[in-house]
Amino acid sequence: MKTDTTYNGWTNYETWRVNLELFNGDDEAWRHGSSDGMREFAEELIEQSTDEGIGRDYALAFLQNVDWQEIAEHYQQDEEEEESILQQHAYTHNYNG
């Protein structure tokens, strides 16, 4: 029997937590480009805001379990949905004159 490891609708706790702490509410999360860009942003943030040592090592190790592709796809989907809503609004506005 396989145990469900999802967390609040995300792949795992690490993915949920990183999204919540670093990207949630950031309307421009896509600016990091790709899943690799988001991972690099998180790694740089940890390296710049912590001293070398065990705390930094654990924080960087925590990032290894993050599903970066899931986070990137989440923001890409949000952006596409927003564009669709804006296009529908513009069409309705133009149609209603």
PDB file of N, CA and C in Angstrom:
ATOM      1  N   MET A   1       0.845  -1.177   0.000  1.00  0.00           N
ATOM      2  CA  MET A   1       0.000   0.000   0.000  1.00  0.00           C
ATOM      3  C   MET A   1       0.890   1.241   0.000  1.00  0.00           C
ATOM      4  N   LYS A   2       0.651   2.121  -0.966  1.00  0.00           N
ATOM      5  CA  LYS A   2       1.443   3.344  -1.096  1.00  0.00           C
ATOM      6  C   LYS A   2       0.810   4.458  -0.269  1.00  0.00           C
ATOM      7  N   THR A   3       1.646   5.176   0.471  1.00  0.00           N
ATOM      8  CA  THR A   3       1.186   6.284   1.290  1.00  0.00           C
ATOM      9  C   THR A   3       1.126   7.547   0.447  1.00  0.00           C
ATOM     10  N   ASP A   4       0.045   8.297   0.600  1.00  0.00           N
ATOM     11  CA  ASP A   4      -0.101   9.570  -0.110  1.00  0.00           C
ATOM     12  C   ASP A   4       0.852  10.581   0.508  1.00  0.00           C
ATOM     13  N   THR A   5       1.744  11.144  -0.317  1.00  0.00           N
ATOM     14  CA  THR A   5       2.719  12.113   0.195  1.00  0.00           C
ATOM     15  C   THR A   5       2.415  13.532  -0.263  1.00  0.00           C
ATOM     16  N   THR A   6       1.251  13.739  -0.890  1.00  0.00           N
ATOM     17  CA  THR A   6       0.918  15.093  -1.332  1.00  0.00           C
ATOM     18  C   THR A   6       0.646  15.977  -0.118  1.00  0.00           C
ATOM     19  N   TYR A   7       0.720  17.285  -0.338  1.00  0.00           N
ATOM     20  CA  TYR A   7       0.522  18.235   0.755  1.00  0.00           C
ATOM     21  C   TYR A   7      -0.230  19.442   0.228  1.00  0.00           C
ATOM     22  N   ASN A   8      -1.423  19.668   0.733  1.00  0.00           N
ATOM     23  CA  ASN A   8      -2.256  20.806   0.334  1.00  0.00           C
ATOM     24  C   ASN A   8      -2.376  20.951  -1.184  1.00  0.00           C
ATOM     25  N   GLY A   9      -2.493  19.822  -1.873  1.00  0.00           N
ATOM     26  CA  GLY A   9      -2.657  19.831  -3.317  1.00  0.00           C
ATOM     27  C   GLY A   9      -1.362  19.885  -4.106  1.00  0.00           C
ATOM     28  N   TRP A  10      -0.234  19.929  -3.434  1.00  0.00           N
ATOM     29  CA  TRP A  10       1.071  19.965  -4.092  1.00  0.00           C
ATOM     30  C   TRP A  10       1.735  18.594  -3.988  1.00  0.00           C
ATOM     31  N   THR A  11       2.756  18.362  -4.793  1.00  0.00           N
ATOM     32  CA  THR A  11       3.463  17.084  -4.830  1.00  0.00           C
ATOM     33  C   THR A  11       3.923  16.629  -3.448  1.00  0.00           C
ATOM     34  N   ASN A  12       4.463  17.536  -2.667  1.00  0.00           N
ATOM     35  CA  ASN A  12       4.974  17.206  -1.337  1.00  0.00           C
ATOM     36  C   ASN A  12       5.066  18.474  -0.485  1.00  0.00           C
ATOM     37  N   TYR A  13       5.427  18.305   0.770  1.00  0.00           N
ATOM     38  CA  TYR A  13       5.533  19.429   1.704  1.00  0.00           C
ATOM     39  C   TYR A  13       6.551  20.454   1.219  1.00  0.00           C
ATOM     40  N   GLU A  14       7.689  19.985   0.732  1.00  0.00           N
ATOM     41  CA  GLU A  14       8.752  20.889   0.316  1.00  0.00           C
ATOM     42  C   GLU A  14       8.291  21.805  -0.822  1.00  0.00           C
ATOM     43  N   THR A  15       7.587  21.237  -1.798  1.00  0.00           N
ATOM     44  CA  THR A  15       7.093  22.026  -2.928  1.00  0.00           C
ATOM     45  C   THR A  15       6.078  23.050  -2.450  1.00  0.00           C
ATOM     46  N   TRP A  16       5.150  22.614  -1.615  1.00  0.00           N
ATOM     47  CA  TRP A  16       4.147  23.527  -1.064  1.00  0.00           C
ATOM     48  C   TRP A  16       4.813  24.656  -0.291  1.00  0.00           C
ATOM     49  N   ARG A  17       5.749  24.325   0.573  1.00  0.00           N
ATOM     50  CA  ARG A  17       6.373  25.316   1.450  1.00  0.00           C
ATOM     51  C   ARG A  17       7.209  26.330   0.676  1.00  0.00           C
ATOM     52  N   VAL A  18       7.990  25.876  -0.288  1.00  0.00           N
ATOM     53  CA  VAL A  18       8.805  26.796  -1.083  1.00  0.00           C
ATOM     54  C   VAL A  18       7.902  27.717  -1.898  1.00  0.00           C
ATOM     55  N   ASN A  19       6.852  27.162  -2.494  1.00  0.00           N
ATOM     56  CA  ASN A  19       5.923  28.015  -3.235  1.00  0.00           C
ATOM     57  C   ASN A  19       5.309  29.047  -2.307  1.00  0.00           C
ATOM     58  N   LEU A  20       4.871  28.623  -1.133  1.00  0.00           N
ATOM     59  CA  LEU A  20       4.235  29.522  -0.173  1.00  0.00           C
ATOM     60  C   LEU A  20       5.189  30.621   0.279  1.00  0.00           C
ATOM     61  N   GLU A  21       6.397  30.256   0.629  1.00  0.00           N
ATOM     62  CA  GLU A  21       7.344  31.205   1.213  1.00  0.00           C
ATOM     63  C   GLU A  21       8.036  32.097   0.180  1.00  0.00           C
ATOM     64  N   LEU A  22       8.274  31.575  -1.018  1.00  0.00           N
ATOM     65  CA  LEU A  22       9.069  32.338  -1.984  1.00  0.00           C
ATOM     66  C   LEU A  22       8.276  32.913  -3.143  1.00  0.00           C
ATOM     67  N   PHE A  23       7.191  32.248  -3.534  1.00  0.00           N
ATOM     68  CA  PHE A  23       6.512  32.673  -4.753  1.00  0.00           C
ATOM     69  C   PHE A  23       5.042  33.014  -4.569  1.00  0.00           C
ATOM     70  N   ASN A  24       4.384  32.511  -3.557  1.00  0.00           N
ATOM     71  CA  ASN A  24       2.951  32.709  -3.389  1.00  0.00           C
ATOM     72  C   ASN A  24       2.623  34.198  -3.252  1.00  0.00           C
ATOM     73  N   GLY A  25       1.651  34.630  -4.031  1.00  0.00           N
ATOM     74  CA  GLY A  25       1.277  36.038  -3.990  1.00  0.00           C
ATOM     75  C   GLY A  25       2.158  36.907  -4.859  1.00  0.00           C
ATOM     76  N   ASP A  26       3.167  36.305  -5.470  1.00  0.00           N
ATOM     77  CA  ASP A  26       4.064  37.036  -6.357  1.00  0.00           C
ATOM     78  C   ASP A  26       3.479  36.978  -7.753  1.00  0.00           C
ATOM     79  N   ASP A  27       2.818  38.044  -8.168  1.00  0.00           N
ATOM     80  CA  ASP A  27       2.176  38.053  -9.473  1.00  0.00           C
ATOM     81  C   ASP A  27       3.170  37.927 -10.617  1.00  0.00           C
ATOM     82  N   GLU A  28       4.438  38.076 -10.328  1.00  0.00           N
ATOM     83  CA  GLU A  28       5.450  37.983 -11.369  1.00  0.00           C
ATOM     84  C   GLU A  28       6.415  36.824 -11.112  1.00  0.00           C
ATOM     85  N   ALA A  29       5.917  35.748 -10.509  1.00  0.00           N
ATOM     86  CA  ALA A  29       6.775  34.591 -10.249  1.00  0.00           C
ATOM     87  C   ALA A  29       7.372  34.049 -11.535  1.00  0.00           C
ATOM     88  N   TRP A  30       6.655  34.215 -12.632  1.00  0.00           N
ATOM     89  CA  TRP A  30       7.119  33.751 -13.940  1.00  0.00           C
ATOM     90  C   TRP A  30       8.401  34.454 -14.376  1.00  0.00           C
ATOM     91  N   ARG A  31       8.737  35.580 -13.746  1.00  0.00           N
ATOM     92  CA  ARG A  31       9.917  36.341 -14.175  1.00  0.00           C
ATOM     93  C   ARG A  31      11.207  35.545 -13.992  1.00  0.00           C
ATOM     94  N   HIS A  32      11.140  34.490 -13.198  1.00  0.00           N
ATOM     95  CA  HIS A  32      12.315  33.643 -12.996  1.00  0.00           C
ATOM     96  C   HIS A  32      12.508  32.697 -14.175  1.00  0.00           C
ATOM     97  N   GLY A  33      11.590  32.776 -15.128  1.00  0.00           N
ATOM     98  CA  GLY A  33      11.737  32.069 -16.390  1.00  0.00           C
ATOM     99  C   GLY A  33      11.216  30.660 -16.378  1.00  0.00           C
ATOM    100  N   SER A  34      11.958  29.790 -15.834  1.00  0.00           N
ATOM    101  CA  SER A  34      11.653  28.372 -15.908  1.00  0.00           C
ATOM    102  C   SER A  34      11.776  27.748 -14.534  1.00  0.00           C
ATOM    103  N   SER A  35      11.551  26.456 -14.490  1.00  0.00           N
ATOM    104  CA  SER A  35      11.739  25.741 -13.231  1.00  0.00           C
ATOM    105  C   SER A  35      13.186  25.882 -12.761  1.00  0.00           C
ATOM    106  N   ASP A  36      14.135  25.858 -13.697  1.00  0.00           N
ATOM    107  CA  ASP A  36      15.546  26.045 -13.325  1.00  0.00           C
ATOM    108  C   ASP A  36      15.788  27.447 -12.782  1.00  0.00           C
ATOM    109  N   GLY A  37      15.142  28.445 -13.392  1.00  0.00           N
ATOM    110  CA  GLY A  37      15.286  29.814 -12.907  1.00  0.00           C
ATOM    111  C   GLY A  37      14.734  29.985 -11.500  1.00  0.00           C
ATOM    112  N   MET A  38      13.620  29.328 -11.219  1.00  0.00           N
ATOM    113  CA  MET A  38      13.036  29.395  -9.882  1.00  0.00           C
ATOM    114  C   MET A  38      13.947  28.708  -8.861  1.00  0.00           C
ATOM    115  N   ARG A  39      14.499  27.554  -9.239  1.00  0.00           N
ATOM    116  CA  ARG A  39      15.415  26.840  -8.345  1.00  0.00           C
ATOM    117  C   ARG A  39      16.646  27.690  -8.063  1.00  0.00           C
ATOM    118  N   GLU A  40      17.223  28.287  -9.097  1.00  0.00           N
ATOM    119  CA  GLU A  40      18.406  29.129  -8.921  1.00  0.00           C
ATOM    120  C   GLU A  40      18.097  30.335  -8.038  1.00  0.00           C
ATOM    121  N   PHE A  41      16.924  30.942  -8.214  1.00  0.00           N
ATOM    122  CA  PHE A  41      16.513  32.065  -7.374  1.00  0.00           C
ATOM    123  C   PHE A  41      16.480  31.637  -5.906  1.00  0.00           C
ATOM    124  N   ALA A  42      15.872  30.487  -5.622  1.00  0.00           N
ATOM    125  CA  ALA A  42      15.774  30.003  -4.244  1.00  0.00           C
ATOM    126  C   ALA A  42      17.152  29.705  -3.654  1.00  0.00           C
ATOM    127  N   GLU A  43      18.004  29.066  -4.434  1.00  0.00           N
ATOM    128  CA  GLU A  43      19.351  28.755  -3.951  1.00  0.00           C
ATOM    129  C   GLU A  43      20.144  30.025  -3.655  1.00  0.00           C
ATOM    130  N   GLU A  44      20.052  31.005  -4.563  1.00  0.00           N
ATOM    131  CA  GLU A  44      20.767  32.263  -4.353  1.00  0.00           C
ATOM    132  C   GLU A  44      20.237  33.002  -3.130  1.00  0.00           C
ATOM    133  N   LEU A  45      18.933  32.979  -2.936  1.00  0.00           N
ATOM    134  CA  LEU A  45      18.335  33.623  -1.774  1.00  0.00           C
ATOM    135  C   LEU A  45      18.874  33.023  -0.484  1.00  0.00           C
ATOM    136  N   ILE A  46      18.939  31.706  -0.422  1.00  0.00           N
ATOM    137  CA  ILE A  46      19.468  31.035   0.767  1.00  0.00           C
ATOM    138  C   ILE A  46      20.943  31.370   0.956  1.00  0.00           C
ATOM    139  N   GLU A  47      21.708  31.306  -0.107  1.00  0.00           N
ATOM    140  CA  GLU A  47      23.144  31.570   0.001  1.00  0.00           C
ATOM    141  C   GLU A  47      23.429  33.012   0.412  1.00  0.00           C
ATOM    142  N   GLN A  48      22.604  33.959  -0.032  1.00  0.00           N
ATOM    143  CA  GLN A  48      22.821  35.362   0.303  1.00  0.00           C
ATOM    144  C   GLN A  48      22.298  35.730   1.688  1.00  0.00           C
ATOM    145  N   SER A  49      21.353  34.968   2.203  1.00  0.00           N
ATOM    146  CA  SER A  49      20.721  35.367   3.460  1.00  0.00           C
ATOM    147  C   SER A  49      21.127  34.505   4.656  1.00  0.00           C
ATOM    148  N   THR A  50      22.009  33.540   4.437  1.00  0.00           N
ATOM    149  CA  THR A  50      22.447  32.695   5.548  1.00  0.00           C
ATOM    150  C   THR A  50      23.964  32.584   5.557  1.00  0.00           C
ATOM    151  N   ASP A  51      24.497  32.344   6.734  1.00  0.00           N
ATOM    152  CA  ASP A  51      25.921  32.102   6.862  1.00  0.00           C
ATOM    153  C   ASP A  51      26.217  30.653   6.493  1.00  0.00           C
ATOM    154  N   GLU A  52      27.451  30.420   6.094  1.00  0.00           N
ATOM    155  CA  GLU A  52      27.853  29.043   5.808  1.00  0.00           C
ATOM    156  C   GLU A  52      27.710  28.225   7.079  1.00  0.00           C
ATOM    157  N   GLY A  53      27.326  26.981   6.897  1.00  0.00           N
ATOM    158  CA  GLY A  53      27.201  26.094   8.038  1.00  0.00           C
ATOM    159  C   GLY A  53      26.048  25.130   7.865  1.00  0.00           C
ATOM    160  N   ILE A  54      25.711  24.484   8.957  1.00  0.00           N
ATOM    161  CA  ILE A  54      24.721  23.425   8.904  1.00  0.00           C
ATOM    162  C   ILE A  54      23.330  23.934   8.534  1.00  0.00           C
ATOM    163  N   GLY A  55      22.965  25.133   8.981  1.00  0.00           N
ATOM    164  CA  GLY A  55      21.653  25.689   8.644  1.00  0.00           C
ATOM    165  C   GLY A  55      21.504  25.893   7.149  1.00  0.00           C
ATOM    166  N   ARG A  56      22.529  26.451   6.533  1.00  0.00           N
ATOM    167  CA  ARG A  56      22.507  26.654   5.077  1.00  0.00           C
ATOM    168  C   ARG A  56      22.470  25.305   4.366  1.00  0.00           C
ATOM    169  N   ASP A  57      23.271  24.378   4.854  1.00  0.00           N
ATOM    170  CA  ASP A  57      23.308  23.046   4.232  1.00  0.00           C
ATOM    171  C   ASP A  57      21.935  22.372   4.272  1.00  0.00           C
ATOM    172  N   TYR A  58      21.260  22.468   5.412  1.00  0.00           N
ATOM    173  CA  TYR A  58      19.921  21.869   5.520  1.00  0.00           C
ATOM    174  C   TYR A  58      18.922  22.591   4.614  1.00  0.00           C
ATOM    175  N   ALA A  59      19.003  23.899   4.550  1.00  0.00           N
ATOM    176  CA  ALA A  59      18.081  24.661   3.696  1.00  0.00           C
ATOM    177  C   ALA A  59      18.276  24.287   2.229  1.00  0.00           C
ATOM    178  N   LEU A  60      19.514  24.181   1.796  1.00  0.00           N
ATOM    179  CA  LEU A  60      19.783  23.803   0.409  1.00  0.00           C
ATOM    180  C   LEU A  60      19.361  22.357   0.142  1.00  0.00           C
ATOM    181  N   ALA A  61      19.550  21.476   1.129  1.00  0.00           N
ATOM    182  CA  ALA A  61      19.114  20.084   0.968  1.00  0.00           C
ATOM    183  C   ALA A  61      17.595  20.003   0.869  1.00  0.00           C
ATOM    184  N   PHE A  62      16.887  20.847   1.608  1.00  0.00           N
ATOM    185  CA  PHE A  62      15.422  20.900   1.566  1.00  0.00           C
ATOM    186  C   PHE A  62      14.944  21.161   0.142  1.00  0.00           C
ATOM    187  N   LEU A  63      15.676  22.015  -0.583  1.00  0.00           N
ATOM    188  CA  LEU A  63      15.298  22.373  -1.951  1.00  0.00           C
ATOM    189  C   LEU A  63      15.398  21.196  -2.917  1.00  0.00           C
ATOM    190  N   GLN A  64      16.173  20.181  -2.570  1.00  0.00           N
ATOM    191  CA  GLN A  64      16.355  19.044  -3.471  1.00  0.00           C
ATOM    192  C   GLN A  64      15.066  18.256  -3.683  1.00  0.00           C
ATOM    193  N   ASN A  65      14.119  18.345  -2.751  1.00  0.00           N
ATOM    194  CA  ASN A  65      12.862  17.604  -2.857  1.00  0.00           C
ATOM    195  C   ASN A  65      11.738  18.415  -3.485  1.00  0.00           C
ATOM    196  N   VAL A  66      12.017  19.649  -3.860  1.00  0.00           N
ATOM    197  CA  VAL A  66      10.995  20.516  -4.450  1.00  0.00           C
ATOM    198  C   VAL A  66      10.753  20.102  -5.900  1.00  0.00           C
ATOM    199  N   ASP A  67       9.493  20.055  -6.286  1.00  0.00           N
ATOM    200  CA  ASP A  67       9.127  19.794  -7.679  1.00  0.00           C
ATOM    201  C   ASP A  67       9.046  21.157  -8.380  1.00  0.00           C
ATOM    202  N   TRP A  68      10.167  21.605  -8.905  1.00  0.00           N
ATOM    203  CA  TRP A  68      10.273  22.934  -9.510  1.00  0.00           C
ATOM    204  C   TRP A  68       9.393  23.052 -10.742  1.00  0.00           C
ATOM    205  N   GLN A  69       9.257  21.970 -11.479  1.00  0.00           N
ATOM    206  CA  GLN A  69       8.415  21.978 -12.675  1.00  0.00           C
ATOM    207  C   GLN A  69       6.963  22.230 -12.292  1.00  0.00           C
ATOM    208  N   GLU A  70       6.510  21.647 -11.203  1.00  0.00           N
ATOM    209  CA  GLU A  70       5.135  21.860 -10.754  1.00  0.00           C
ATOM    210  C   GLU A  70       4.886  23.325 -10.416  1.00  0.00           C
ATOM    211  N   ILE A  71       5.827  23.953  -9.739  1.00  0.00           N
ATOM    212  CA  ILE A  71       5.664  25.364  -9.384  1.00  0.00           C
ATOM    213  C   ILE A  71       5.643  26.223 -10.654  1.00  0.00           C
ATOM    214  N   ALA A  72       6.574  25.981 -11.565  1.00  0.00           N
ATOM    215  CA  ALA A  72       6.628  26.759 -12.808  1.00  0.00           C
ATOM    216  C   ALA A  72       5.345  26.591 -13.613  1.00  0.00           C
ATOM    217  N   GLU A  73       4.845  25.366 -13.713  1.00  0.00           N
ATOM    218  CA  GLU A  73       3.612  25.117 -14.452  1.00  0.00           C
ATOM    219  C   GLU A  73       2.414  25.794 -13.793  1.00  0.00           C
ATOM    220  N   HIS A  74       2.412  25.845 -12.473  1.00  0.00           N
ATOM    221  CA  HIS A  74       1.336  26.512 -11.737  1.00  0.00           C
ATOM    222  C   HIS A  74       1.249  27.984 -12.138  1.00  0.00           C
ATOM    223  N   TYR A  75       2.383  28.668 -12.180  1.00  0.00           N
ATOM    224  CA  TYR A  75       2.374  30.085 -12.528  1.00  0.00           C
ATOM    225  C   TYR A  75       2.146  30.312 -14.014  1.00  0.00           C
ATOM    226  N   GLN A  76       2.613  29.382 -14.847  1.00  0.00           N
ATOM    227  CA  GLN A  76       2.341  29.480 -16.274  1.00  0.00           C
ATOM    228  C   GLN A  76       0.840  29.339 -16.523  1.00  0.00           C
ATOM    229  N   GLN A  77       0.208  28.396 -15.835  1.00  0.00           N
ATOM    230  CA  GLN A  77      -1.235  28.201 -15.980  1.00  0.00           C
ATOM    231  C   GLN A  77      -1.991  29.437 -15.490  1.00  0.00           C
ATOM    232  N   ASP A  78      -1.588  29.999 -14.359  1.00  0.00           N
ATOM    233  CA  ASP A  78      -2.219  31.220 -13.849  1.00  0.00           C
ATOM    234  C   ASP A  78      -2.118  32.358 -14.864  1.00  0.00           C
ATOM    235  N   GLU A  79      -0.944  32.497 -15.461  1.00  0.00           N
ATOM    236  CA  GLU A  79      -0.732  33.565 -16.440  1.00  0.00           C
ATOM    237  C   GLU A  79      -1.625  33.355 -17.666  1.00  0.00           C
ATOM    238  N   GLU A  80      -1.722  32.116 -18.141  1.00  0.00           N
ATOM    239  CA  GLU A  80      -2.567  31.811 -19.298  1.00  0.00           C
ATOM    240  C   GLU A  80      -4.039  32.077 -18.994  1.00  0.00           C
ATOM    241  N   GLU A  81      -4.481  31.713 -17.781  1.00  0.00           N
ATOM    242  CA  GLU A  81      -5.868  31.962 -17.393  1.00  0.00           C
ATOM    243  C   GLU A  81      -6.156  33.462 -17.324  1.00  0.00           C
ATOM    244  N   GLU A  82      -5.212  34.221 -16.789  1.00  0.00           N
ATOM    245  CA  GLU A  82      -5.388  35.670 -16.699  1.00  0.00           C
ATOM    246  C   GLU A  82      -5.456  36.300 -18.086  1.00  0.00           C
ATOM    247  N   GLU A  83      -4.594  35.847 -18.999  1.00  0.00           N
ATOM    248  CA  GLU A  83      -4.623  36.353 -20.371  1.00  0.00           C
ATOM    249  C   GLU A  83      -5.956  36.033 -21.038  1.00  0.00           C
ATOM    250  N   SER A  84      -6.476  34.843 -20.803  1.00  0.00           N
ATOM    251  CA  SER A  84      -7.748  34.439 -21.385  1.00  0.00           C
ATOM    252  C   SER A  84      -8.887  35.322 -20.868  1.00  0.00           C
ATOM    253  N   ILE A  85      -8.880  35.599 -19.593  1.00  0.00           N
ATOM    254  CA  ILE A  85      -9.910  36.457 -18.992  1.00  0.00           C
ATOM    255  C   ILE A  85      -9.823  37.862 -19.587  1.00  0.00           C
ATOM    256  N   LEU A  86      -8.605  38.379 -19.725  1.00  0.00           N
ATOM    257  CA  LEU A  86      -8.429  39.714 -20.305  1.00  0.00           C
ATOM    258  C   LEU A  86      -8.907  39.756 -21.756  1.00  0.00           C
ATOM    259  N   GLN A  87      -8.619  38.707 -22.508  1.00  0.00           N
ATOM    260  CA  GLN A  87      -9.064  38.652 -23.901  1.00  0.00           C
ATOM    261  C   GLN A  87     -10.592  38.587 -23.979  1.00  0.00           C
ATOM    262  N   GLN A  88     -11.197  37.797 -23.101  1.00  0.00           N
ATOM    263  CA  GLN A  88     -12.657  37.697 -23.087  1.00  0.00           C
ATOM    264  C   GLN A  88     -13.274  39.037 -22.721  1.00  0.00           C
ATOM    265  N   HIS A  89     -12.676  39.719 -21.756  1.00  0.00           N
ATOM    266  CA  HIS A  89     -13.169  41.024 -21.340  1.00  0.00           C
ATOM    267  C   HIS A  89     -13.063  42.029 -22.491  1.00  0.00           C
ATOM    268  N   ALA A  90     -11.935  42.022 -23.178  1.00  0.00           N
ATOM    269  CA  ALA A  90     -11.740  42.942 -24.310  1.00  0.00           C
ATOM    270  C   ALA A  90     -12.738  42.636 -25.416  1.00  0.00           C
ATOM    271  N   TYR A  91     -12.981  41.365 -25.695  1.00  0.00           N
ATOM    272  CA  TYR A  91     -13.953  40.990 -26.733  1.00  0.00           C
ATOM    273  C   TYR A  91     -15.351  41.453 -26.336  1.00  0.00           C
ATOM    274  N   THR A  92     -15.726  41.207 -25.093  1.00  0.00           N
ATOM    275  CA  THR A  92     -17.055  41.606 -24.615  1.00  0.00           C
ATOM    276  C   THR A  92     -17.191  43.118 -24.665  1.00  0.00           C
ATOM    277  N   HIS A  93     -16.160  43.831 -24.263  1.00  0.00           N
ATOM    278  CA  HIS A  93     -16.180  45.289 -24.263  1.00  0.00           C
ATOM    279  C   HIS A  93     -16.330  45.818 -25.695  1.00  0.00           C
ATOM    280  N   ASN A  94     -15.569  45.256 -26.609  1.00  0.00           N
ATOM    281  CA  ASN A  94     -15.642  45.682 -28.008  1.00  0.00           C
ATOM    282  C   ASN A  94     -16.991  45.308 -28.635  1.00  0.00           C
ATOM    283  N   TYR A  95     -17.502  44.155 -28.287  1.00  0.00           N
ATOM    284  CA  TYR A  95     -18.757  43.674 -28.842  1.00  0.00           C
ATOM    285  C   TYR A  95     -19.937  44.524 -28.364  1.00  0.00           C
ATOM    286  N   ASN A  96     -19.874  44.903 -27.087  1.00  0.00           N
ATOM    287  CA  ASN A  96     -20.963  45.704 -26.498  1.00  0.00           C
ATOM    288  C   ASN A  96     -20.801  47.185 -26.784  1.00  0.00           C
ATOM    289  N   GLY A  97     -19.684  47.521 -27.352  1.00  0.00           N
ATOM    290  CA  GLY A  97     -19.429  48.820 -27.867  1.00  0.00           C
ATOM    291  C   GLY A  97     -19.253  49.963 -27.033  1.00  0.00           C
TER     292      GLY A  97
END
